[in-house]
């Protein structure tokens, strides 16, 4: 008797990203598979971003550094 269990891996794609998020990305920022978790999207810069550079709008709950 062979025990086979199929696990479904859900991979996040650009189709899962709300349009307002894509519109809010700066010109030099792209969404690609995460370097940490290949099933998720990560934010990648195509060139250096200056410290303090702001972009948005931010939608969601702000977290303290200790919460992430």
C-alpha atoms as a PDB file:
ATOM      1  CA  UNK A   1       0.000   0.000   0.000  1.00  0.00           C
ATOM      2  CA  UNK A   2       1.470   3.304  -1.036  1.00  0.00           C
ATOM      3  CA  UNK A   3       0.534   6.443   0.850  1.00  0.00           C
ATOM      4  CA  UNK A   4       0.260   9.346  -1.573  1.00  0.00           C
ATOM      5  CA  UNK A   5      -0.783  12.729  -0.416  1.00  0.00           C
ATOM      6  CA  UNK A   6      -1.047  15.516  -2.873  1.00  0.00           C
ATOM      7  CA  UNK A   7      -0.358  18.976  -1.579  1.00  0.00           C
ATOM      8  CA  UNK A   8      -1.506  21.922  -3.579  1.00  0.00           C
ATOM      9  CA  UNK A   9       0.921  24.807  -3.686  1.00  0.00           C
ATOM     10  CA  UNK A  10      -0.722  28.129  -4.439  1.00  0.00           C
ATOM     11  CA  UNK A  11       1.612  30.526  -6.202  1.00  0.00           C
ATOM     12  CA  UNK A  12       0.832  34.230  -6.058  1.00  0.00           C
ATOM     13  CA  UNK A  13       0.789  35.888  -9.490  1.00  0.00           C
ATOM     14  CA  UNK A  14       0.398  39.408 -10.830  1.00  0.00           C
ATOM     15  CA  UNK A  15      -3.262  38.548 -11.484  1.00  0.00           C
ATOM     16  CA  UNK A  16      -3.695  38.387  -7.680  1.00  0.00           C
ATOM     17  CA  UNK A  17      -2.428  41.956  -7.185  1.00  0.00           C
ATOM     18  CA  UNK A  18      -5.114  44.677  -7.050  1.00  0.00           C
ATOM     19  CA  UNK A  19      -4.887  47.223  -9.865  1.00  0.00           C
ATOM     20  CA  UNK A  20      -4.406  50.138  -7.438  1.00  0.00           C
ATOM     21  CA  UNK A  21      -1.257  48.452  -6.091  1.00  0.00           C
ATOM     22  CA  UNK A  22       0.221  48.075  -9.568  1.00  0.00           C
ATOM     23  CA  UNK A  23      -0.629  51.704 -10.377  1.00  0.00           C
ATOM     24  CA  UNK A  24       1.044  52.882  -7.156  1.00  0.00           C
ATOM     25  CA  UNK A  25       4.413  51.278  -7.867  1.00  0.00           C
ATOM     26  CA  UNK A  26       7.213  53.721  -8.664  1.00  0.00           C
ATOM     27  CA  UNK A  27       8.768  53.498 -12.112  1.00  0.00           C
ATOM     28  CA  UNK A  28      11.830  51.607 -10.846  1.00  0.00           C
ATOM     29  CA  UNK A  29       9.992  49.034  -8.714  1.00  0.00           C
ATOM     30  CA  UNK A  30       8.667  45.715  -9.993  1.00  0.00           C
ATOM     31  CA  UNK A  31       6.892  42.681  -8.555  1.00  0.00           C
ATOM     32  CA  UNK A  32       8.663  39.355  -9.165  1.00  0.00           C
ATOM     33  CA  UNK A  33       8.800  36.038  -7.278  1.00  0.00           C
ATOM     34  CA  UNK A  34      10.124  36.586  -3.768  1.00  0.00           C
ATOM     35  CA  UNK A  35      13.700  35.621  -2.955  1.00  0.00           C
ATOM     36  CA  UNK A  36      12.444  34.421   0.439  1.00  0.00           C
ATOM     37  CA  UNK A  37       9.307  32.494  -0.581  1.00  0.00           C
ATOM     38  CA  UNK A  38       9.020  31.502  -4.250  1.00  0.00           C
ATOM     39  CA  UNK A  39       5.237  31.085  -3.902  1.00  0.00           C
ATOM     40  CA  UNK A  40       4.823  34.787  -3.118  1.00  0.00           C
ATOM     41  CA  UNK A  41       5.585  37.986  -4.969  1.00  0.00           C
ATOM     42  CA  UNK A  42       8.330  40.263  -3.758  1.00  0.00           C
ATOM     43  CA  UNK A  43       9.123  43.909  -4.397  1.00  0.00           C
ATOM     44  CA  UNK A  44      12.274  44.407  -6.461  1.00  0.00           C
ATOM     45  CA  UNK A  45      14.035  47.640  -7.377  1.00  0.00           C
ATOM     46  CA  UNK A  46      15.506  47.963 -10.867  1.00  0.00           C
ATOM     47  CA  UNK A  47      17.911  50.647  -9.606  1.00  0.00           C
ATOM     48  CA  UNK A  48      18.966  52.088  -6.249  1.00  0.00           C
ATOM     49  CA  UNK A  49      16.275  53.886  -4.260  1.00  0.00           C
ATOM     50  CA  UNK A  50      17.421  56.865  -2.238  1.00  0.00           C
ATOM     51  CA  UNK A  51      16.971  56.611   1.523  1.00  0.00           C
ATOM     52  CA  UNK A  52      13.765  58.366   2.580  1.00  0.00           C
ATOM     53  CA  UNK A  53      12.101  58.053  -0.861  1.00  0.00           C
ATOM     54  CA  UNK A  54       8.338  57.805  -0.427  1.00  0.00           C
ATOM     55  CA  UNK A  55       5.728  56.301  -2.707  1.00  0.00           C
ATOM     56  CA  UNK A  56       2.192  55.087  -2.315  1.00  0.00           C
ATOM     57  CA  UNK A  57      -0.589  55.386  -1.434  1.00  0.00           C
ATOM     58  CA  UNK A  58      -0.220  52.920   1.428  1.00  0.00           C
ATOM     59  CA  UNK A  59      -3.206  50.621   1.900  1.00  0.00           C
ATOM     60  CA  UNK A  60      -3.229  48.312   4.897  1.00  0.00           C
ATOM     61  CA  UNK A  61      -2.227  48.221   8.518  1.00  0.00           C
ATOM     62  CA  UNK A  62       1.053  49.812   9.551  1.00  0.00           C
ATOM     63  CA  UNK A  63       3.229  47.540  11.662  1.00  0.00           C
ATOM     64  CA  UNK A  64       5.993  48.344  14.108  1.00  0.00           C
ATOM     65  CA  UNK A  65       9.434  47.060  13.198  1.00  0.00           C
ATOM     66  CA  UNK A  66       9.142  44.489  16.019  1.00  0.00           C
ATOM     67  CA  UNK A  67       5.964  43.068  14.416  1.00  0.00           C
ATOM     68  CA  UNK A  68       7.502  42.159  11.066  1.00  0.00           C
END
